[in-house]
Amino acid sequence: MFFGSFAGFIIVVLVVVIGVNYRFSVREMVNSTAFYQQNNLNQLDKQLNIQMTEIENISLAISRNSNLQEYLNEAGADSYTRFTNASRLTIDLSNIAFSMPIIQSIRVYVDDPPVSDYQGPVTYVELRNLLEEQWSETVENSDFSWIGQHVISTNKGDLPVISFARKIYTPGYEYKALVVLDIKASDIIKLIQGEEPDSNRVLLDLGLRAVTSTGDIPAEQYRDTVQDLIHNYNVNINDKGNIRYHDSLVVWSKLFSSDWILMEVTPWSEITKGSVRTAEVLFSIGVVAVVIALIMTLIISKQFTKPIILLLKRMNSFSLGNKDKPMINDYHNEFGALFNGYSVLVDRTTELYASLKQQYRKQKEAEIQALQAMINPHFLYNTLDQLNWMAIEAGEERMSRVLELMGRMFRIGLSNGESIITVEKELTHLECYLQIQQIRWGEKLSYVIEVPEAIKALYIPKLTLQPFVENAIIHGFHGRDTGLIVITAVLSHEDVEFKISDNGVGIPANWKRQKTRNTGGYGIRNVRERMIAYYGPAYDIGISSNPNTGTLVSIRIPEMREKPASKGG
C-alpha cells in the first residue's frame, strides 16, 4: 500500500512537472513563432509592395503610350494606318514584356482588335469578349484592379497568372480599351514563400480578396477565415497581429503604406511539435527514472524491512515453553539495538513467567493451607457450642454467656470465607467482643456505639475496628479501674470515617519504636496491610493521643455501597 502510494505520488509529480513545462514551452514557442513570422511577413510585404507598385506604374505608362492613344483615336483611319499603328504598339508592349521577366503576357481588350501574334507576349482581344471572363466583375466598377490567380492559355499551355487590369480612356474620358498585365503566379508565390516553401500564406488586397496563396489551404478558404476573424473575433485586419484560430496560429501583416495584406496560417500541432516532442522525451526519461527509483526504493525498503520481518517471525514463533534461539547480532545500528531489546524482553518475560509459576504454586499451597485452617474455626465453634451447653448444665451463666458471644464472633469471623462484610456485622462482632470484656470488667467498662443506619448498610473489610478497641482495652486501660470507649461513624463526601476514642492513659511518644507485642500491635499492623491491599492510598488511619487523657483513632475508607469481588479470606 505504501509502495503503491509512493509510486503514484512520484507519477503525479512527474505529470505535473511535464504539464507545466509543456504549457510554458508552448507559450514561449507560440510567442517566438508569432514574432518571427510577423517580422518575416513585414519584410515580404515590403518586397511585394515594391514589386506590385512597379507593375501598377508600368500599366500606367502603357495607358499613356502615344502609339496606344493614336491607335484608339484613329478608329476611322484606313487599314494601312491602323496596321502601322498596331505594329508600333505591339513592338512597344513586347519590349515592356521582354524587359520584365515577371510579366508573362500583355492582353489588350479593344474594339476591332488587330490580328495577334500568338507566339508573342502581346495579345489583342475583342472588348465585348471581356464579359466572358470570370474576373470581369472585378474590373467593371474600377478603373484599375488586381485580378486574383487564374489560368490563361499560352503557346506553352495553360499557365497560372496574377493580372493587373487598367482601363484606357481617350482625352475625352471615353472608355476605349482594357490593358491586362499577366504576372507569372510562380514568381509572386516564390516571393511570398521566401525561404519557407512549405508555409501556408495568402496575399490579400484591400478588398480582402485572395490574390494568390501558398501551401495546402485553397485561396477561397482564406476569405471565409478573414470574415470570421473580423466579425466574430473583432480582429483589425488592416494592422499587424496574431491570434489562435481554431487549431491554427494566424499571423498577418499590413504596412501603413502598403495596399497588400500578407497572412500566414500555421497548424497548432506544427508549432507545438517541439514541445510535444520535449514532453514525450521528458516523460520517457521520467518513466525510466521512476522505474529505476521505484526498483531502488523497493530494494532499499526490503533491506530496511528484512530485519523487521525477521523480528516479527521470531516474535510469532516465541513460546514460553520452548527455549528461543539466540537473536542474530550482525546489525550494529538501530536494528541491532531493537534485536538486543527484544532479547532482553524475552529474557525478562521468561524470568517473569518462572516467577509467576512459582507464585502460582505458592498461592495454591496457601489456598490449601487456608482451606485446612478453616477447619480449625469450625472445630472451635462446635467445641464452644458444646462447652456452652456444659456451662448451662453446670449453672455457670457467665461462662455460658462468654461462650455464646465467642461463638457469634467465630460465626462472623468465618463469614463463609468472605473478607468483605457489612458495617452492621462488623459492629455486631465488635459489640460481642466488648460484651465479653464487660463480663470480665463488670461495670468498670462502658462503651457507646453511634453509627447511622445508612452507614450500617455499607461494606467494610472484616475485623477492621476490633483490633483498635482491643488495643485500647489492653493498653489504654492498663492500671485503670474504669474505662469508656466511644465508637462513631460519619459520611464525608464519598468516604466513611470511623472514630474510636477512649479515656485511657494514652500512648507513649516512642510507641512506634517499641517492640511489637503479641497482643494488639500485630492486629493493627494487619489492618494497615489489608487497607493498603484493598484501597491503596485511598484509605487513612490516624492515631492521636495525650498522656492521661486518652487516645483517638480515626479510620477513613472509601464508601462501598456494593459488595466487591471477593479477594480471599
Protein backbone atom coordinates (compact mmCIF):
# COMPACT_ATOMS: atom_id res chain seq x y z
CA MET A 1 0.00 0.00 0.00
CA PHE A 2 2.74 2.43 0.98
CA PHE A 3 4.86 1.46 -2.01
CA GLY A 4 1.94 1.98 -4.41
CA SER A 5 1.10 5.35 -2.85
CA PHE A 6 4.72 6.44 -3.15
CA ALA A 7 4.83 5.37 -6.81
CA GLY A 8 1.56 7.17 -7.51
CA PHE A 9 2.86 10.33 -5.85
CA ILE A 10 6.03 10.31 -7.98
CA ILE A 11 3.99 9.77 -11.16
CA VAL A 12 1.64 12.64 -10.27
CA VAL A 13 4.60 14.93 -9.62
CA LEU A 14 6.15 13.88 -12.93
CA VAL A 15 2.92 14.55 -14.84
CA VAL A 16 2.51 17.95 -13.18
CA VAL A 17 6.12 18.93 -13.98
CA ILE A 18 5.78 17.80 -17.59
CA GLY A 19 2.42 19.56 -17.91
CA VAL A 20 3.76 22.85 -16.54
CA ASN A 21 6.86 22.57 -18.73
CA TYR A 22 4.70 21.83 -21.77
CA ARG A 23 2.40 24.77 -21.08
CA PHE A 24 5.21 27.29 -20.68
CA SER A 25 7.23 25.89 -23.60
CA VAL A 26 4.17 26.09 -25.86
CA ARG A 27 3.54 29.66 -24.77
CA GLU A 28 7.15 30.62 -25.48
CA MET A 29 7.10 28.73 -28.77
CA VAL A 30 3.92 30.48 -29.90
CA ASN A 31 5.26 33.90 -28.92
CA SER A 32 8.58 33.34 -30.67
CA THR A 33 6.86 31.87 -33.76
CA ALA A 34 4.42 34.76 -33.94
CA PHE A 35 7.26 37.28 -33.51
CA TYR A 36 9.39 35.63 -36.18
CA GLN A 37 6.51 35.28 -38.65
CA GLN A 38 5.44 38.87 -38.04
CA ASN A 39 8.88 40.21 -38.87
CA ASN A 40 9.14 37.90 -41.87
CA LEU A 41 5.76 38.98 -43.23
CA ASN A 42 6.70 42.62 -42.76
CA GLN A 43 9.79 42.14 -44.91
CA LEU A 44 7.88 40.19 -47.55
CA ASP A 45 5.15 42.83 -47.55
CA LYS A 46 7.73 45.48 -48.31
CA GLN A 47 9.12 43.48 -51.24
CA LEU A 48 5.64 42.71 -52.55
CA ASN A 49 4.63 46.33 -52.30
CA ILE A 50 7.67 47.36 -54.35
CA GLN A 51 7.02 44.68 -56.96
CA MET A 52 3.31 45.37 -57.24
CA THR A 53 3.79 49.11 -57.34
CA GLU A 54 6.22 48.66 -60.21
CA ILE A 55 3.62 46.62 -62.12
CA GLU A 56 1.00 49.31 -61.49
CA ASN A 57 3.38 52.02 -62.71
CA ILE A 58 4.11 50.03 -65.86
CA SER A 59 0.37 49.74 -66.56
CA LEU A 60 0.03 53.46 -66.02
CA ALA A 61 2.85 54.10 -68.50
CA ILE A 62 1.17 51.83 -71.02
CA SER A 63 -2.11 53.74 -70.65
CA ARG A 64 -0.21 56.90 -71.63
CA ASN A 65 1.66 55.29 -74.53
CA SER A 66 1.35 57.51 -77.60
CA ASN A 67 1.06 54.63 -80.04
CA LEU A 68 -1.80 53.20 -77.96
CA GLN A 69 -3.55 56.58 -77.86
CA GLU A 70 -3.08 57.05 -81.64
CA TYR A 71 -4.46 53.59 -82.31
CA LEU A 72 -7.52 54.22 -80.16
CA ASN A 73 -8.14 57.74 -81.51
CA GLU A 74 -7.80 56.80 -85.21
CA ALA A 75 -10.61 54.30 -85.35
CA GLY A 76 -11.80 55.69 -88.77
CA ALA A 77 -8.36 55.60 -90.40
CA ASP A 78 -7.50 53.36 -93.32
CA SER A 79 -6.38 49.82 -92.77
CA TYR A 80 -2.73 50.52 -93.51
CA THR A 81 -2.55 53.29 -90.94
CA ARG A 82 -4.24 51.14 -88.32
CA PHE A 83 -1.92 48.23 -89.13
CA THR A 84 1.09 50.52 -88.85
CA ASN A 85 -0.05 51.92 -85.51
CA ALA A 86 -0.90 48.44 -84.24
CA SER A 87 2.53 47.20 -85.22
CA ARG A 88 4.28 50.05 -83.41
CA LEU A 89 2.05 49.41 -80.34
CA THR A 90 2.84 45.69 -80.39
CA ILE A 91 6.56 46.43 -80.51
CA ASP A 92 6.30 48.80 -77.53
CA LEU A 93 4.29 46.36 -75.44
CA SER A 94 6.55 43.45 -76.39
CA ASN A 95 9.60 45.41 -75.34
CA ILE A 96 7.96 46.04 -71.96
CA ALA A 97 7.07 42.37 -71.55
CA PHE A 98 10.54 41.19 -72.53
CA SER A 99 12.19 43.75 -70.25
CA MET A 100 10.44 42.35 -67.18
CA PRO A 101 10.67 38.55 -66.81
CA ILE A 102 7.88 38.60 -64.21
CA ILE A 103 5.40 39.60 -66.95
CA GLN A 104 4.02 36.56 -68.74
CA SER A 105 1.93 38.43 -71.29
CA ILE A 106 0.04 41.63 -72.04
CA ARG A 107 -3.53 41.50 -73.22
CA VAL A 108 -5.35 44.46 -74.79
CA TYR A 109 -9.15 44.34 -74.90
CA VAL A 110 -10.28 46.77 -77.63
CA ASP A 111 -12.98 47.13 -80.27
CA ASP A 112 -11.97 45.83 -83.68
CA PRO A 113 -8.66 44.44 -82.41
CA PRO A 114 -5.75 43.89 -84.79
CA VAL A 115 -4.50 40.43 -85.55
CA SER A 116 -2.50 38.95 -82.69
CA ASP A 117 0.74 37.02 -82.88
CA TYR A 118 0.04 34.13 -80.53
CA GLN A 119 3.74 33.32 -80.45
CA GLY A 120 4.47 36.71 -78.89
CA PRO A 121 3.74 38.17 -75.49
CA VAL A 122 1.10 40.65 -76.73
CA THR A 123 -2.48 39.59 -77.47
CA TYR A 124 -5.41 41.66 -78.71
CA VAL A 125 -8.95 40.60 -77.72
CA GLU A 126 -12.36 41.90 -78.69
CA LEU A 127 -13.56 44.23 -75.93
CA ARG A 128 -17.01 42.72 -75.84
CA ASN A 129 -15.45 39.35 -75.05
CA LEU A 130 -14.41 40.81 -71.67
CA LEU A 131 -17.78 39.85 -70.25
CA GLU A 132 -16.92 36.23 -70.82
CA GLU A 133 -14.03 36.40 -68.39
CA GLN A 134 -14.70 35.17 -64.83
CA TRP A 135 -12.96 38.20 -63.38
CA SER A 136 -14.89 40.78 -65.43
CA GLU A 137 -16.91 41.89 -62.41
CA THR A 138 -13.69 42.67 -60.56
CA VAL A 139 -12.75 45.42 -63.06
CA GLU A 140 -16.23 46.52 -64.02
CA ASN A 141 -16.62 49.20 -61.33
CA SER A 142 -13.00 50.21 -61.04
CA ASP A 143 -10.50 51.99 -63.29
CA PHE A 144 -7.79 49.53 -62.29
CA SER A 145 -7.72 46.39 -60.21
CA TRP A 146 -5.70 43.33 -59.38
CA ILE A 147 -7.17 40.05 -60.51
CA GLY A 148 -6.59 37.01 -58.38
CA GLN A 149 -4.75 33.94 -59.55
CA HIS A 150 -6.32 32.39 -62.66
CA VAL A 151 -5.28 30.34 -65.67
CA ILE A 152 -4.62 31.63 -69.17
CA SER A 153 -3.87 29.76 -72.40
CA THR A 154 -0.46 30.34 -73.96
CA ASN A 155 1.67 28.76 -76.64
CA LYS A 156 3.25 26.80 -73.76
CA GLY A 157 -0.08 25.57 -72.45
CA ASP A 158 -2.24 26.76 -69.55
CA LEU A 159 -0.32 28.85 -67.04
CA PRO A 160 -1.44 30.35 -63.69
CA VAL A 161 -1.07 34.12 -63.58
CA ILE A 162 -1.97 37.10 -61.45
CA SER A 163 -3.19 40.01 -63.52
CA PHE A 164 -3.41 43.74 -63.18
CA ALA A 165 -6.10 45.42 -65.32
CA ARG A 166 -6.34 49.12 -66.15
CA LYS A 167 -9.00 50.87 -68.22
CA ILE A 168 -7.82 53.12 -71.05
CA TYR A 169 -9.67 56.36 -71.68
CA THR A 170 -9.44 58.88 -74.54
CA PRO A 171 -8.71 62.53 -73.77
CA GLY A 172 -12.47 62.92 -73.77
CA TYR A 173 -12.76 60.31 -70.95
CA GLU A 174 -14.31 57.74 -73.25
CA TYR A 175 -13.65 54.13 -72.21
CA LYS A 176 -11.88 52.59 -75.20
CA ALA A 177 -9.78 49.65 -74.01
CA LEU A 178 -8.58 47.50 -71.14
CA VAL A 179 -4.92 46.61 -70.70
CA VAL A 180 -4.22 43.48 -68.66
CA LEU A 181 -0.71 42.64 -67.46
CA ASP A 182 -0.41 38.92 -66.69
CA ILE A 183 2.16 38.34 -63.96
CA LYS A 184 3.66 34.91 -63.51
CA ALA A 185 1.97 33.45 -60.43
CA SER A 186 5.03 31.32 -59.71
CA ASP A 187 7.21 34.43 -59.25
CA ILE A 188 4.75 36.03 -56.83
CA ILE A 189 4.40 32.71 -54.97
CA LYS A 190 8.19 32.42 -54.64
CA LEU A 191 8.28 35.95 -53.30
CA ILE A 192 5.54 35.15 -50.77
CA GLN A 193 7.16 31.87 -49.73
CA GLY A 194 10.52 33.45 -49.06
CA GLU A 195 12.77 30.80 -47.51
CA GLU A 196 9.85 28.66 -46.32
CA PRO A 197 8.35 26.79 -49.29
CA ASP A 198 6.01 24.74 -47.08
CA SER A 199 4.34 27.73 -45.41
CA ASN A 200 0.61 28.46 -45.73
CA ARG A 201 0.45 32.10 -46.82
CA VAL A 202 -2.03 34.20 -48.72
CA LEU A 203 -1.85 37.60 -50.42
CA LEU A 204 -4.97 39.72 -49.92
CA ASP A 205 -5.85 43.04 -51.50
CA LEU A 206 -7.62 45.82 -49.64
CA GLY A 207 -10.95 44.31 -50.63
CA LEU A 208 -9.87 41.19 -48.72
CA ARG A 209 -9.84 39.20 -51.94
CA ALA A 210 -7.29 36.42 -52.15
CA VAL A 211 -4.83 37.22 -54.94
CA THR A 212 -2.72 34.11 -54.54
CA SER A 213 -1.70 31.64 -51.86
CA THR A 214 0.88 29.03 -50.97
CA GLY A 215 0.60 25.74 -49.14
CA ASP A 216 -2.28 23.31 -48.82
CA ILE A 217 -5.07 25.79 -47.99
CA PRO A 218 -7.15 26.93 -51.00
CA ALA A 219 -7.19 30.70 -51.59
CA GLU A 220 -11.00 30.80 -51.37
CA GLN A 221 -10.93 29.44 -47.82
CA TYR A 222 -8.92 32.41 -46.62
CA ARG A 223 -11.74 34.85 -47.38
CA ASP A 224 -14.09 32.94 -45.01
CA THR A 225 -11.34 32.88 -42.37
CA VAL A 226 -10.78 36.63 -42.65
CA GLN A 227 -14.50 37.39 -42.46
CA ASP A 228 -14.83 35.19 -39.37
CA LEU A 229 -11.88 36.91 -37.69
CA ILE A 230 -13.32 40.35 -38.41
CA HIS A 231 -16.88 39.69 -37.34
CA ASN A 232 -16.55 37.09 -34.58
CA TYR A 233 -13.10 37.81 -33.14
CA ASN A 234 -13.07 41.62 -33.51
CA VAL A 235 -9.74 41.48 -35.35
CA ASN A 236 -8.38 44.59 -37.11
CA ILE A 237 -7.04 43.01 -40.28
CA ASN A 238 -5.67 46.35 -41.52
CA ASP A 239 -2.88 46.18 -38.96
CA LYS A 240 -0.35 43.59 -37.95
CA GLY A 241 -1.30 41.00 -35.34
CA ASN A 242 -1.72 37.32 -34.47
CA ILE A 243 -4.40 35.11 -32.93
CA ARG A 244 -5.12 31.45 -32.28
CA TYR A 245 -7.90 30.49 -34.63
CA HIS A 246 -9.34 27.03 -34.08
CA ASP A 247 -6.37 24.66 -34.40
CA SER A 248 -4.06 27.18 -36.10
CA LEU A 249 -1.98 30.27 -35.40
CA VAL A 250 -2.92 33.12 -37.74
CA VAL A 251 -0.38 35.93 -38.24
CA TRP A 252 -0.96 38.85 -40.61
CA SER A 253 0.90 41.97 -41.68
CA LYS A 254 -0.04 45.18 -43.49
CA LEU A 255 2.34 48.07 -43.73
CA PHE A 256 0.94 51.57 -43.44
CA SER A 257 1.92 52.49 -47.00
CA SER A 258 1.00 49.10 -48.49
CA ASP A 259 -2.11 48.03 -50.32
CA TRP A 260 -1.47 44.37 -49.53
CA ILE A 261 -2.18 42.11 -46.61
CA LEU A 262 0.03 39.09 -46.07
CA MET A 263 -1.39 36.35 -43.86
CA GLU A 264 0.23 33.13 -42.66
CA VAL A 265 -1.64 30.20 -41.12
CA THR A 266 0.38 27.65 -39.15
CA PRO A 267 -1.23 24.48 -37.75
CA TRP A 268 -1.09 24.47 -33.94
CA SER A 269 0.28 20.95 -33.98
CA GLU A 270 3.24 22.13 -36.04
CA ILE A 271 4.04 24.89 -33.54
CA THR A 272 3.71 22.60 -30.53
CA LYS A 273 5.52 19.74 -32.25
CA GLY A 274 8.78 20.61 -30.49
CA SER A 275 7.08 21.00 -27.12
CA VAL A 276 5.22 17.73 -27.58
CA ARG A 277 8.45 16.01 -28.51
CA THR A 278 10.16 17.54 -25.48
CA ALA A 279 7.27 16.41 -23.28
CA GLU A 280 7.49 12.91 -24.73
CA VAL A 281 11.24 12.78 -24.12
CA LEU A 282 10.81 14.12 -20.59
CA PHE A 283 8.02 11.65 -19.95
CA SER A 284 10.13 8.77 -21.27
CA ILE A 285 13.10 9.85 -19.17
CA GLY A 286 10.79 10.38 -16.20
CA VAL A 287 9.21 6.94 -16.59
CA VAL A 288 12.64 5.32 -16.79
CA ALA A 289 13.81 7.37 -13.79
CA VAL A 290 10.65 6.49 -11.85
CA VAL A 291 11.04 2.79 -12.64
CA ILE A 292 14.70 2.88 -11.57
CA ALA A 293 13.81 4.90 -8.47
CA LEU A 294 10.99 2.51 -7.58
CA ILE A 295 13.25 -0.51 -8.06
CA MET A 296 15.94 1.10 -5.92
CA THR A 297 13.31 2.08 -3.36
CA LEU A 298 11.97 -1.46 -3.33
CA ILE A 299 15.48 -2.87 -2.85
CA ILE A 300 16.32 -0.37 -0.11
CA SER A 301 12.95 -0.83 1.58
CA LYS A 302 13.50 -4.60 1.59
CA GLN A 303 16.83 -4.02 3.26
CA PHE A 304 15.02 -1.98 5.89
CA THR A 305 12.08 -4.34 6.27
CA LYS A 306 14.12 -7.55 6.26
CA PRO A 307 15.21 -7.18 9.92
CA ILE A 308 11.64 -6.21 10.89
CA ILE A 309 10.23 -9.26 9.12
CA LEU A 310 12.86 -11.41 10.81
CA LEU A 311 11.94 -9.94 14.18
CA LEU A 312 8.20 -10.46 13.54
CA LYS A 313 8.79 -14.11 12.63
CA ARG A 314 10.81 -14.56 15.81
CA MET A 315 8.06 -12.87 17.86
CA ASN A 316 5.34 -15.00 16.25
CA SER A 317 7.31 -18.18 16.92
CA PHE A 318 8.06 -17.22 20.52
CA SER A 319 6.75 -19.68 23.09
CA LEU A 320 7.27 -19.65 26.83
CA GLY A 321 7.54 -23.40 26.90
CA ASN A 322 10.32 -23.58 24.32
CA LYS A 323 13.75 -22.06 24.58
CA ASP A 324 14.12 -19.28 21.99
CA LYS A 325 17.07 -19.33 19.62
CA PRO A 326 19.65 -16.56 20.09
CA MET A 327 19.00 -13.41 18.01
CA ILE A 328 21.43 -12.56 15.23
CA ASN A 329 23.91 -9.85 16.14
CA ASP A 330 25.07 -8.83 12.64
CA TYR A 331 23.40 -5.41 12.87
CA HIS A 332 25.29 -2.62 14.59
CA ASN A 333 22.65 0.08 14.18
CA GLU A 334 19.12 0.75 15.35
CA PHE A 335 18.07 -2.75 14.26
CA GLY A 336 20.82 -4.22 16.42
CA ALA A 337 19.52 -2.20 19.37
CA LEU A 338 15.99 -3.40 18.59
CA PHE A 339 17.12 -7.05 18.48
CA ASN A 340 19.04 -6.64 21.74
CA GLY A 341 15.98 -5.04 23.32
CA TYR A 342 13.83 -7.93 22.15
CA SER A 343 16.33 -10.42 23.57
CA VAL A 344 16.27 -8.60 26.92
CA LEU A 345 12.47 -8.55 26.79
CA VAL A 346 12.36 -12.29 26.09
CA ASP A 347 14.74 -12.96 28.99
CA ARG A 348 12.67 -10.81 31.34
CA THR A 349 9.45 -12.41 30.12
CA THR A 350 10.92 -15.85 30.75
CA GLU A 351 12.04 -14.80 34.22
CA LEU A 352 8.63 -13.28 34.91
CA TYR A 353 6.92 -16.43 33.69
CA ALA A 354 9.08 -18.56 36.01
CA SER A 355 8.34 -16.16 38.87
CA LEU A 356 4.59 -16.30 38.15
CA LYS A 357 4.71 -20.09 38.06
CA GLN A 358 6.39 -20.07 41.46
CA GLN A 359 3.88 -17.56 42.82
CA TYR A 360 1.02 -19.61 41.42
CA ARG A 361 2.39 -22.72 43.13
CA LYS A 362 2.75 -20.83 46.41
CA GLN A 363 -0.74 -19.42 46.00
CA LYS A 364 -2.17 -22.90 45.54
CA GLU A 365 -0.28 -24.08 48.61
CA ALA A 366 -1.60 -21.09 50.57
CA GLU A 367 -5.16 -21.80 49.40
CA ILE A 368 -4.82 -25.42 50.53
CA GLN A 369 -3.42 -24.28 53.86
CA ALA A 370 -6.24 -21.74 54.18
CA LEU A 371 -8.83 -24.41 53.48
CA GLN A 372 -7.19 -26.59 56.06
CA ALA A 373 -7.04 -23.69 58.51
CA MET A 374 -10.77 -23.06 58.05
CA ILE A 375 -11.39 -26.44 59.63
CA ASN A 376 -9.98 -25.21 62.95
CA PRO A 377 -12.52 -22.33 63.43
CA HIS A 378 -15.37 -24.70 62.67
CA PHE A 379 -13.96 -27.14 65.14
CA LEU A 380 -13.57 -24.39 67.75
CA TYR A 381 -17.09 -23.09 67.07
CA ASN A 382 -18.59 -26.57 67.56
CA THR A 383 -16.44 -27.10 70.63
CA LEU A 384 -17.54 -23.75 72.12
CA ASP A 385 -21.13 -24.68 71.48
CA GLN A 386 -20.68 -27.90 73.41
CA LEU A 387 -18.87 -26.05 76.22
CA ASN A 388 -21.73 -23.58 76.36
CA TRP A 389 -24.25 -26.35 76.96
CA MET A 390 -21.97 -27.88 79.57
CA ALA A 391 -21.74 -24.49 81.34
CA ILE A 392 -25.52 -24.13 81.31
CA GLU A 393 -25.92 -27.61 82.75
CA ALA A 394 -23.34 -26.72 85.42
CA GLY A 395 -25.11 -23.43 86.22
CA GLU A 396 -22.19 -21.28 85.03
CA GLU A 397 -24.22 -18.49 83.42
CA ARG A 398 -21.28 -16.06 83.00
CA MET A 399 -19.18 -18.69 81.32
CA SER A 400 -22.13 -19.67 79.16
CA ARG A 401 -22.56 -16.03 78.09
CA VAL A 402 -18.88 -15.75 77.20
CA LEU A 403 -19.00 -18.94 75.17
CA GLU A 404 -22.14 -17.75 73.38
CA LEU A 405 -20.55 -14.40 72.47
CA MET A 406 -17.38 -16.11 71.30
CA GLY A 407 -19.47 -18.39 69.10
CA ARG A 408 -21.14 -15.40 67.48
CA MET A 409 -17.73 -13.82 66.91
CA PHE A 410 -16.43 -17.00 65.27
CA ARG A 411 -19.54 -17.16 63.07
CA ILE A 412 -18.99 -13.61 61.83
CA GLY A 413 -15.24 -14.23 61.55
CA LEU A 414 -15.86 -17.17 59.24
CA SER A 415 -18.45 -15.34 57.02
CA ASN A 416 -18.37 -18.22 54.56
CA GLY A 417 -14.79 -17.32 53.68
CA GLU A 418 -15.67 -13.76 52.61
CA SER A 419 -13.33 -10.89 53.52
CA ILE A 420 -15.84 -8.04 52.97
CA ILE A 421 -18.89 -7.82 55.25
CA THR A 422 -21.44 -5.15 56.10
CA VAL A 423 -20.68 -2.49 58.69
CA GLU A 424 -23.61 -3.88 60.70
CA LYS A 425 -21.94 -7.31 61.02
CA GLU A 426 -18.62 -5.65 61.82
CA LEU A 427 -20.30 -3.71 64.64
CA THR A 428 -22.01 -6.91 65.87
CA HIS A 429 -18.63 -8.65 66.01
CA LEU A 430 -17.16 -5.64 67.85
CA GLU A 431 -20.05 -5.47 70.33
CA CYS A 432 -19.69 -9.22 71.13
CA TYR A 433 -16.05 -8.55 71.97
CA LEU A 434 -16.98 -5.55 74.17
CA GLN A 435 -19.64 -7.56 75.99
CA ILE A 436 -17.08 -10.29 76.73
CA GLN A 437 -14.80 -7.59 78.16
CA GLN A 438 -17.69 -6.18 80.19
CA ILE A 439 -18.23 -9.63 81.72
CA ARG A 440 -14.64 -9.50 82.79
CA TRP A 441 -14.59 -5.82 83.88
CA GLY A 442 -18.11 -5.58 85.11
CA GLU A 443 -19.50 -2.12 85.41
CA LYS A 444 -16.00 -0.60 85.26
CA LEU A 445 -16.03 -0.80 81.44
CA SER A 446 -18.63 1.02 79.38
CA TYR A 447 -18.94 1.72 75.65
CA VAL A 448 -21.07 3.76 73.27
CA ILE A 449 -21.67 2.89 69.57
CA GLU A 450 -23.25 5.67 67.47
CA VAL A 451 -23.44 4.65 63.83
CA PRO A 452 -26.28 5.80 61.48
CA GLU A 453 -28.38 3.12 59.83
CA ALA A 454 -27.27 4.31 56.35
CA ILE A 455 -23.66 3.52 57.19
CA LYS A 456 -24.56 0.09 58.60
CA ALA A 457 -25.69 -0.97 55.08
CA LEU A 458 -22.26 -0.20 53.63
CA TYR A 459 -19.42 -2.70 53.27
CA ILE A 460 -16.09 -2.88 55.09
CA PRO A 461 -13.21 -5.39 55.37
CA LYS A 462 -13.98 -7.60 58.37
CA LEU A 463 -12.04 -7.26 61.61
CA THR A 464 -11.18 -3.62 60.86
CA LEU A 465 -12.42 -2.00 64.10
CA GLN A 466 -11.89 -4.77 66.72
CA PRO A 467 -8.05 -4.62 66.84
CA PHE A 468 -8.15 -0.90 67.78
CA VAL A 469 -10.76 -1.49 70.51
CA GLU A 470 -8.72 -4.43 71.79
CA ASN A 471 -5.61 -2.22 71.81
CA ALA A 472 -7.49 0.48 73.80
CA ILE A 473 -8.62 -2.03 76.49
CA ILE A 474 -5.26 -3.80 76.83
CA HIS A 475 -3.00 -0.74 76.74
CA GLY A 476 -5.23 2.27 77.33
CA PHE A 477 -6.91 0.97 80.46
CA HIS A 478 -3.82 -0.73 81.88
CA GLY A 479 -3.65 0.20 85.56
CA ARG A 480 -7.09 1.87 85.44
CA ASP A 481 -10.20 0.93 87.36
CA THR A 482 -12.66 2.23 84.80
CA GLY A 483 -12.77 2.85 81.10
CA LEU A 484 -15.03 4.32 78.41
CA ILE A 485 -14.89 3.55 74.69
CA VAL A 486 -16.90 5.54 72.11
CA ILE A 487 -17.32 4.34 68.50
CA THR A 488 -18.85 6.75 65.96
CA ALA A 489 -19.11 6.91 62.15
CA VAL A 490 -19.99 9.71 59.69
CA LEU A 491 -20.22 10.05 55.91
CA SER A 492 -17.83 12.64 54.41
CA HIS A 493 -18.22 13.21 50.69
CA GLU A 494 -17.59 9.72 49.25
CA ASP A 495 -15.73 8.43 52.33
CA VAL A 496 -16.75 6.86 55.64
CA GLU A 497 -14.86 7.97 58.71
CA PHE A 498 -14.88 5.81 61.87
CA LYS A 499 -13.63 7.24 65.17
CA ILE A 500 -12.67 5.13 68.22
CA SER A 501 -11.87 7.11 71.34
CA ASP A 502 -11.07 6.09 74.90
CA ASN A 503 -10.28 7.84 78.18
CA GLY A 504 -7.27 5.66 78.95
CA VAL A 505 -3.68 6.54 79.83
CA GLY A 506 -2.75 7.43 76.22
CA ILE A 507 0.12 6.23 74.10
CA PRO A 508 3.80 6.88 74.89
CA ALA A 509 5.67 9.26 72.49
CA ASN A 510 8.02 6.43 71.42
CA TRP A 511 5.27 3.87 70.90
CA LYS A 512 6.18 3.40 67.19
CA ARG A 513 9.75 2.40 68.12
CA GLN A 514 8.73 -0.07 70.79
CA LYS A 515 8.90 -3.78 70.03
CA THR A 516 5.59 -5.07 68.81
CA ARG A 517 3.89 -7.26 71.35
CA ASN A 518 1.84 -10.33 70.55
CA THR A 519 -1.29 -8.58 71.79
CA GLY A 520 -2.65 -5.57 69.90
CA GLY A 521 0.30 -4.49 67.72
CA TYR A 522 0.03 -7.35 65.27
CA GLY A 523 -3.71 -6.74 64.77
CA ILE A 524 -3.21 -3.04 63.93
CA ARG A 525 -0.39 -3.84 61.53
CA ASN A 526 -2.57 -6.48 59.90
CA VAL A 527 -5.34 -3.89 59.44
CA ARG A 528 -2.93 -1.45 57.80
CA GLU A 529 -1.64 -4.08 55.37
CA ARG A 530 -5.15 -5.12 54.42
CA MET A 531 -6.18 -1.46 53.89
CA ILE A 532 -3.25 -0.97 51.55
CA ALA A 533 -4.21 -4.13 49.64
CA TYR A 534 -7.86 -3.06 49.30
CA TYR A 535 -7.75 0.72 48.90
CA GLY A 536 -4.16 1.75 48.25
CA PRO A 537 -3.67 5.47 49.02
CA ALA A 538 -7.44 5.99 49.27
CA TYR A 539 -7.50 4.94 52.97
CA ASP A 540 -6.15 6.72 56.02
CA ILE A 541 -5.58 5.67 59.67
CA GLY A 542 -4.78 8.43 62.11
CA ILE A 543 -3.89 7.96 65.81
CA SER A 544 -3.64 10.88 68.22
CA SER A 545 -3.06 10.63 71.95
CA ASN A 546 -2.42 12.77 75.02
CA PRO A 547 -0.97 11.34 78.24
CA ASN A 548 -3.65 10.52 80.86
CA THR A 549 -6.45 11.88 78.66
CA GLY A 550 -6.97 9.08 76.17
CA THR A 551 -6.44 8.11 72.55
CA LEU A 552 -8.40 8.88 69.36
CA VAL A 553 -8.19 6.57 66.34
CA SER A 554 -9.60 7.83 63.02
CA ILE A 555 -10.16 5.37 60.16
CA ARG A 556 -11.17 6.78 56.75
CA ILE A 557 -12.08 4.39 53.91
CA PRO A 558 -13.94 4.84 50.58
CA GLU A 559 -17.69 4.41 50.67
CA MET A 560 -18.68 0.94 49.36
CA ARG A 561 -22.38 0.56 48.61
CA GLU A 562 -21.99 -2.75 46.81
CA LYS A 563 -20.03 -5.81 47.70
CA PRO A 564 -16.92 -6.13 45.51
CA ALA A 565 -15.50 -9.31 44.13
CA SER A 566 -14.04 -11.48 46.89
CA LYS A 567 -10.29 -11.07 47.43
CA GLY A 568 -9.96 -14.09 49.64
CA GLY A 569 -10.39 -14.61 53.42
